[in-house]
Amino acid sequence: MRQKISISNRAISPHLSIYNPQLTSLSSIWHRISGILLLFLIVKLNIILKTRLYMFFNIPLIGVIKEIILLFHMVFLFLFLYHSFNGMRHIGWDFSLGTQLKDLKHSFYFVCFCIFCVLIYNII
């Protein structure tokens, strides 16, 4: 005879509840995402410039327009810096430099510190 299997007590994905994201995997995923977003922003900027929408440059930058341009600039700069500095980390890994877990954490925090310093410098 067939036995009726009770599935109400079974976990749907038991491996997901015990998974702890690793710093290296998150860093790699964000490196790829930042590259895709940079590509999108560069293409979007190219389309805007090719269609000759210069209205932001012909009027005084006041109020909300200035803040929107500053926000766009800061997002673009953050993505560019993260992608560049993290790319340098990946090149170091290709030469087997800094592949120990302690070195990986220190290099990640160093990349974040460098990005923070450049962004603060750019704001001031």
N, C-alpha and C. Protein backbone atom coordinates (compact mmCIF):
# COMPACT_ATOMS: atom_id res chain seq x y z
N MET A 1 0.82 -1.19 0.00
CA MET A 1 0.00 0.00 0.00
C MET A 1 0.86 1.25 0.00
N ARG A 2 0.27 2.24 -0.52
CA ARG A 2 0.96 3.51 -0.54
C ARG A 2 0.83 4.20 0.80
N GLN A 3 1.90 4.81 1.17
CA GLN A 3 1.90 5.55 2.41
C GLN A 3 1.69 7.02 2.10
N LYS A 4 0.83 7.64 2.85
CA LYS A 4 0.57 9.07 2.64
C LYS A 4 1.66 9.86 3.38
N ILE A 5 2.38 10.68 2.63
CA ILE A 5 3.48 11.45 3.21
C ILE A 5 2.95 12.80 3.67
N SER A 6 3.21 13.09 4.90
CA SER A 6 2.78 14.37 5.46
C SER A 6 3.89 15.40 5.20
N ILE A 7 3.56 16.39 4.40
CA ILE A 7 4.57 17.39 4.06
C ILE A 7 4.34 18.71 4.81
N SER A 8 3.39 18.73 5.69
CA SER A 8 3.10 19.99 6.38
C SER A 8 4.19 20.36 7.38
N ASN A 9 4.93 19.41 7.89
CA ASN A 9 5.96 19.69 8.88
C ASN A 9 7.35 19.86 8.27
N ARG A 10 7.47 19.61 6.98
CA ARG A 10 8.77 19.72 6.33
C ARG A 10 9.06 21.17 5.95
N ALA A 11 10.30 21.56 6.08
CA ALA A 11 10.72 22.90 5.66
C ALA A 11 10.77 22.97 4.14
N ILE A 12 10.43 24.11 3.60
CA ILE A 12 10.44 24.27 2.15
C ILE A 12 11.87 24.30 1.63
N SER A 13 12.70 25.13 2.22
CA SER A 13 14.10 25.24 1.83
C SER A 13 14.96 25.26 3.08
N PRO A 14 15.30 24.13 3.61
CA PRO A 14 16.05 24.12 4.87
C PRO A 14 17.45 24.69 4.73
N HIS A 15 18.03 24.61 3.54
CA HIS A 15 19.39 25.11 3.37
C HIS A 15 19.45 26.64 3.39
N LEU A 16 18.35 27.31 3.08
CA LEU A 16 18.35 28.78 3.08
C LEU A 16 18.32 29.35 4.49
N SER A 17 17.77 28.61 5.43
CA SER A 17 17.69 29.13 6.79
C SER A 17 19.02 29.07 7.52
N ILE A 18 19.94 28.25 7.05
CA ILE A 18 21.23 28.16 7.72
C ILE A 18 22.34 28.85 6.93
N TYR A 19 22.01 29.43 5.79
CA TYR A 19 23.01 30.07 4.94
C TYR A 19 23.35 31.45 5.48
N ASN A 20 24.63 31.71 5.62
CA ASN A 20 25.12 33.01 6.07
C ASN A 20 25.90 33.63 4.91
N PRO A 21 25.46 34.76 4.36
CA PRO A 21 26.16 35.34 3.21
C PRO A 21 27.61 35.67 3.54
N GLN A 22 28.49 35.39 2.62
CA GLN A 22 29.90 35.66 2.82
C GLN A 22 30.27 37.01 2.23
N LEU A 23 31.26 37.64 2.82
CA LEU A 23 31.70 38.96 2.38
C LEU A 23 32.22 38.91 0.95
N THR A 24 32.91 37.85 0.59
CA THR A 24 33.47 37.76 -0.76
C THR A 24 32.38 37.59 -1.81
N SER A 25 31.35 36.81 -1.50
CA SER A 25 30.28 36.62 -2.48
C SER A 25 29.46 37.90 -2.64
N LEU A 26 29.20 38.58 -1.54
CA LEU A 26 28.47 39.85 -1.64
C LEU A 26 29.27 40.90 -2.39
N SER A 27 30.57 40.93 -2.15
CA SER A 27 31.44 41.88 -2.84
C SER A 27 31.44 41.60 -4.34
N SER A 28 31.51 40.35 -4.71
CA SER A 28 31.51 39.98 -6.13
C SER A 28 30.17 40.31 -6.79
N ILE A 29 29.09 40.03 -6.09
CA ILE A 29 27.76 40.34 -6.64
C ILE A 29 27.59 41.84 -6.82
N TRP A 30 27.98 42.63 -5.83
CA TRP A 30 27.85 44.09 -5.94
C TRP A 30 28.80 44.66 -6.99
N HIS A 31 29.93 44.01 -7.22
CA HIS A 31 30.84 44.45 -8.28
C HIS A 31 30.16 44.31 -9.64
N ARG A 32 29.49 43.21 -9.84
CA ARG A 32 28.78 42.98 -11.11
C ARG A 32 27.61 43.94 -11.26
N ILE A 33 26.85 44.14 -10.17
CA ILE A 33 25.71 45.06 -10.23
C ILE A 33 26.17 46.48 -10.50
N SER A 34 27.26 46.91 -9.87
CA SER A 34 27.74 48.27 -10.10
C SER A 34 28.20 48.43 -11.54
N GLY A 35 28.80 47.40 -12.13
CA GLY A 35 29.19 47.47 -13.54
C GLY A 35 28.00 47.62 -14.46
N ILE A 36 26.94 46.88 -14.18
CA ILE A 36 25.72 46.97 -14.99
C ILE A 36 25.08 48.35 -14.85
N LEU A 37 25.01 48.86 -13.61
CA LEU A 37 24.43 50.18 -13.40
C LEU A 37 25.27 51.27 -14.04
N LEU A 38 26.60 51.14 -13.99
CA LEU A 38 27.46 52.12 -14.66
C LEU A 38 27.20 52.12 -16.16
N LEU A 39 27.09 50.95 -16.73
CA LEU A 39 26.81 50.86 -18.16
C LEU A 39 25.48 51.53 -18.48
N PHE A 40 24.46 51.26 -17.68
CA PHE A 40 23.15 51.87 -17.89
C PHE A 40 23.23 53.40 -17.79
N LEU A 41 23.93 53.90 -16.78
CA LEU A 41 24.03 55.35 -16.60
C LEU A 41 24.82 56.01 -17.72
N ILE A 42 25.87 55.36 -18.19
CA ILE A 42 26.65 55.94 -19.29
C ILE A 42 25.83 55.96 -20.57
N VAL A 43 25.11 54.88 -20.84
CA VAL A 43 24.26 54.85 -22.04
C VAL A 43 23.16 55.90 -21.93
N LYS A 44 22.55 56.02 -20.75
CA LYS A 44 21.49 57.01 -20.55
C LYS A 44 22.04 58.42 -20.73
N LEU A 45 23.21 58.70 -20.19
CA LEU A 45 23.82 60.02 -20.34
C LEU A 45 24.15 60.30 -21.80
N ASN A 46 24.61 59.29 -22.52
CA ASN A 46 24.91 59.45 -23.93
C ASN A 46 23.65 59.76 -24.73
N ILE A 47 22.55 59.09 -24.40
CA ILE A 47 21.29 59.36 -25.09
C ILE A 47 20.82 60.78 -24.81
N ILE A 48 20.95 61.21 -23.56
CA ILE A 48 20.53 62.57 -23.21
C ILE A 48 21.35 63.59 -23.96
N LEU A 49 22.66 63.39 -24.02
CA LEU A 49 23.51 64.37 -24.71
C LEU A 49 23.30 64.34 -26.22
N LYS A 50 23.03 63.17 -26.78
CA LYS A 50 22.82 63.10 -28.22
C LYS A 50 21.49 63.72 -28.64
N THR A 51 20.51 63.69 -27.79
CA THR A 51 19.24 64.32 -28.13
C THR A 51 19.23 65.80 -27.81
N ARG A 52 20.35 66.30 -27.32
CA ARG A 52 20.56 67.72 -27.07
C ARG A 52 19.56 68.32 -26.07
N LEU A 53 19.42 67.65 -24.95
CA LEU A 53 18.59 68.18 -23.88
C LEU A 53 19.47 68.97 -22.93
N TYR A 54 19.78 70.19 -23.30
CA TYR A 54 20.69 71.01 -22.51
C TYR A 54 19.95 71.99 -21.61
N MET A 55 18.70 71.72 -21.32
CA MET A 55 17.94 72.70 -20.55
C MET A 55 18.49 72.88 -19.14
N PHE A 56 19.11 71.85 -18.58
CA PHE A 56 19.67 71.99 -17.24
C PHE A 56 20.88 72.92 -17.23
N PHE A 57 21.55 73.04 -18.38
CA PHE A 57 22.75 73.85 -18.42
C PHE A 57 22.47 75.29 -18.82
N ASN A 58 21.28 75.58 -19.32
CA ASN A 58 20.94 76.93 -19.76
C ASN A 58 20.24 77.76 -18.70
N ILE A 59 19.80 77.15 -17.62
CA ILE A 59 19.13 77.89 -16.57
C ILE A 59 19.96 77.83 -15.30
N PRO A 60 19.81 78.78 -14.42
CA PRO A 60 20.56 78.72 -13.16
C PRO A 60 20.16 77.48 -12.36
N LEU A 61 21.15 76.82 -11.81
CA LEU A 61 20.90 75.61 -11.04
C LEU A 61 20.47 75.99 -9.64
N ILE A 62 19.16 75.99 -9.43
CA ILE A 62 18.62 76.36 -8.12
C ILE A 62 17.69 75.27 -7.65
N GLY A 63 17.52 75.20 -6.34
CA GLY A 63 16.51 74.35 -5.73
C GLY A 63 16.64 72.89 -6.06
N VAL A 64 15.54 72.32 -6.49
CA VAL A 64 15.42 70.88 -6.68
C VAL A 64 16.31 70.40 -7.82
N ILE A 65 16.45 71.21 -8.87
CA ILE A 65 17.25 70.79 -10.02
C ILE A 65 18.71 70.58 -9.61
N LYS A 66 19.22 71.50 -8.79
CA LYS A 66 20.59 71.37 -8.33
C LYS A 66 20.77 70.12 -7.46
N GLU A 67 19.79 69.84 -6.61
CA GLU A 67 19.87 68.66 -5.75
C GLU A 67 19.77 67.37 -6.56
N ILE A 68 18.95 67.36 -7.59
CA ILE A 68 18.83 66.16 -8.43
C ILE A 68 20.13 65.89 -9.16
N ILE A 69 20.74 66.94 -9.70
CA ILE A 69 22.01 66.77 -10.40
C ILE A 69 23.11 66.32 -9.44
N LEU A 70 23.13 66.88 -8.22
CA LEU A 70 24.11 66.47 -7.22
C LEU A 70 23.90 65.00 -6.83
N LEU A 71 22.65 64.60 -6.65
CA LEU A 71 22.36 63.21 -6.30
C LEU A 71 22.80 62.26 -7.42
N PHE A 72 22.48 62.61 -8.67
CA PHE A 72 22.89 61.79 -9.81
C PHE A 72 24.42 61.68 -9.86
N HIS A 73 25.08 62.81 -9.63
CA HIS A 73 26.55 62.83 -9.65
C HIS A 73 27.12 61.93 -8.54
N MET A 74 26.54 62.00 -7.34
CA MET A 74 27.06 61.22 -6.23
C MET A 74 26.81 59.71 -6.44
N VAL A 75 25.67 59.35 -6.98
CA VAL A 75 25.39 57.93 -7.26
C VAL A 75 26.36 57.41 -8.32
N PHE A 76 26.54 58.19 -9.37
CA PHE A 76 27.46 57.79 -10.43
C PHE A 76 28.88 57.67 -9.89
N LEU A 77 29.31 58.64 -9.07
CA LEU A 77 30.66 58.61 -8.51
C LEU A 77 30.83 57.41 -7.57
N PHE A 78 29.82 57.13 -6.75
CA PHE A 78 29.90 55.98 -5.85
C PHE A 78 30.04 54.69 -6.64
N LEU A 79 29.20 54.50 -7.66
CA LEU A 79 29.27 53.28 -8.47
C LEU A 79 30.62 53.16 -9.16
N PHE A 80 31.11 54.26 -9.71
CA PHE A 80 32.39 54.24 -10.40
C PHE A 80 33.53 53.90 -9.45
N LEU A 81 33.54 54.53 -8.27
CA LEU A 81 34.60 54.28 -7.30
C LEU A 81 34.54 52.84 -6.79
N TYR A 82 33.36 52.36 -6.45
CA TYR A 82 33.24 51.00 -5.96
C TYR A 82 33.71 50.00 -7.01
N HIS A 83 33.27 50.20 -8.24
CA HIS A 83 33.63 49.28 -9.30
C HIS A 83 35.14 49.33 -9.55
N SER A 84 35.72 50.51 -9.51
CA SER A 84 37.16 50.65 -9.76
C SER A 84 38.00 50.04 -8.64
N PHE A 85 37.71 50.42 -7.39
CA PHE A 85 38.49 49.91 -6.27
C PHE A 85 38.30 48.41 -6.08
N ASN A 86 37.09 47.94 -6.26
CA ASN A 86 36.85 46.50 -6.12
C ASN A 86 37.49 45.75 -7.28
N GLY A 87 37.55 46.36 -8.45
CA GLY A 87 38.26 45.76 -9.58
C GLY A 87 39.74 45.59 -9.28
N MET A 88 40.31 46.57 -8.56
CA MET A 88 41.72 46.44 -8.15
C MET A 88 41.89 45.27 -7.18
N ARG A 89 40.91 45.07 -6.30
CA ARG A 89 40.96 43.91 -5.41
C ARG A 89 40.95 42.61 -6.21
N HIS A 90 40.10 42.55 -7.23
CA HIS A 90 40.01 41.34 -8.05
C HIS A 90 41.31 41.09 -8.80
N ILE A 91 41.96 42.14 -9.27
CA ILE A 91 43.25 41.97 -9.94
C ILE A 91 44.27 41.43 -8.95
N GLY A 92 44.24 41.94 -7.72
CA GLY A 92 45.13 41.41 -6.69
C GLY A 92 44.87 39.93 -6.42
N TRP A 93 43.60 39.54 -6.41
CA TRP A 93 43.26 38.13 -6.20
C TRP A 93 43.78 37.27 -7.34
N ASP A 94 43.77 37.83 -8.57
CA ASP A 94 44.30 37.06 -9.71
C ASP A 94 45.78 36.74 -9.53
N PHE A 95 46.51 37.62 -8.82
CA PHE A 95 47.92 37.38 -8.54
C PHE A 95 48.11 36.72 -7.17
N SER A 96 47.04 36.20 -6.60
CA SER A 96 47.05 35.52 -5.29
C SER A 96 47.52 36.43 -4.17
N LEU A 97 47.17 37.69 -4.24
CA LEU A 97 47.49 38.65 -3.18
C LEU A 97 46.25 38.89 -2.34
N GLY A 98 46.38 38.76 -1.05
CA GLY A 98 45.26 39.06 -0.15
C GLY A 98 44.12 38.08 -0.22
N THR A 99 44.42 36.80 -0.34
CA THR A 99 43.35 35.81 -0.45
C THR A 99 42.99 35.15 0.87
N GLN A 100 43.71 35.48 1.93
CA GLN A 100 43.35 34.97 3.25
C GLN A 100 42.10 35.70 3.74
N LEU A 101 41.30 35.05 4.58
CA LEU A 101 40.04 35.63 5.03
C LEU A 101 40.25 36.95 5.75
N LYS A 102 41.28 37.04 6.56
CA LYS A 102 41.57 38.28 7.29
C LYS A 102 41.92 39.39 6.29
N ASP A 103 42.72 39.07 5.27
CA ASP A 103 43.09 40.05 4.26
C ASP A 103 41.89 40.48 3.42
N LEU A 104 40.98 39.55 3.16
CA LEU A 104 39.77 39.89 2.38
C LEU A 104 38.93 40.91 3.13
N LYS A 105 38.75 40.70 4.41
CA LYS A 105 37.96 41.64 5.21
C LYS A 105 38.64 43.01 5.28
N HIS A 106 39.94 43.00 5.50
CA HIS A 106 40.66 44.28 5.58
C HIS A 106 40.62 45.02 4.25
N SER A 107 40.77 44.31 3.14
CA SER A 107 40.73 44.98 1.84
C SER A 107 39.33 45.52 1.53
N PHE A 108 38.29 44.79 1.96
CA PHE A 108 36.93 45.28 1.74
C PHE A 108 36.68 46.56 2.54
N TYR A 109 37.12 46.57 3.80
CA TYR A 109 36.94 47.76 4.62
C TYR A 109 37.80 48.92 4.10
N PHE A 110 38.96 48.61 3.55
CA PHE A 110 39.80 49.64 2.97
C PHE A 110 39.14 50.25 1.73
N VAL A 111 38.53 49.41 0.91
CA VAL A 111 37.81 49.91 -0.27
C VAL A 111 36.67 50.83 0.17
N CYS A 112 35.91 50.42 1.18
CA CYS A 112 34.80 51.25 1.68
C CYS A 112 35.33 52.57 2.24
N PHE A 113 36.44 52.52 2.96
CA PHE A 113 37.03 53.74 3.52
C PHE A 113 37.50 54.68 2.40
N CYS A 114 38.13 54.14 1.38
CA CYS A 114 38.59 54.98 0.25
C CYS A 114 37.41 55.63 -0.47
N ILE A 115 36.36 54.88 -0.68
CA ILE A 115 35.17 55.44 -1.34
C ILE A 115 34.58 56.55 -0.48
N PHE A 116 34.46 56.31 0.81
CA PHE A 116 33.92 57.30 1.73
C PHE A 116 34.77 58.58 1.69
N CYS A 117 36.08 58.44 1.73
CA CYS A 117 36.96 59.62 1.73
C CYS A 117 36.82 60.41 0.42
N VAL A 118 36.77 59.73 -0.71
CA VAL A 118 36.64 60.44 -1.98
C VAL A 118 35.29 61.13 -2.09
N LEU A 119 34.22 60.47 -1.61
CA LEU A 119 32.90 61.09 -1.66
C LEU A 119 32.84 62.32 -0.75
N ILE A 120 33.42 62.23 0.43
CA ILE A 120 33.43 63.39 1.34
C ILE A 120 34.26 64.51 0.73
N TYR A 121 35.39 64.19 0.14
CA TYR A 121 36.22 65.19 -0.52
C TYR A 121 35.46 65.87 -1.64
N ASN A 122 34.69 65.08 -2.36
CA ASN A 122 33.93 65.63 -3.48
C ASN A 122 32.79 66.54 -3.01
N ILE A 123 32.20 66.24 -1.86
CA ILE A 123 31.13 67.08 -1.33
C ILE A 123 31.68 68.41 -0.86
N ILE A 124 32.84 68.36 -0.21
CA ILE A 124 33.44 69.59 0.34
C ILE A 124 34.06 70.36 -0.77
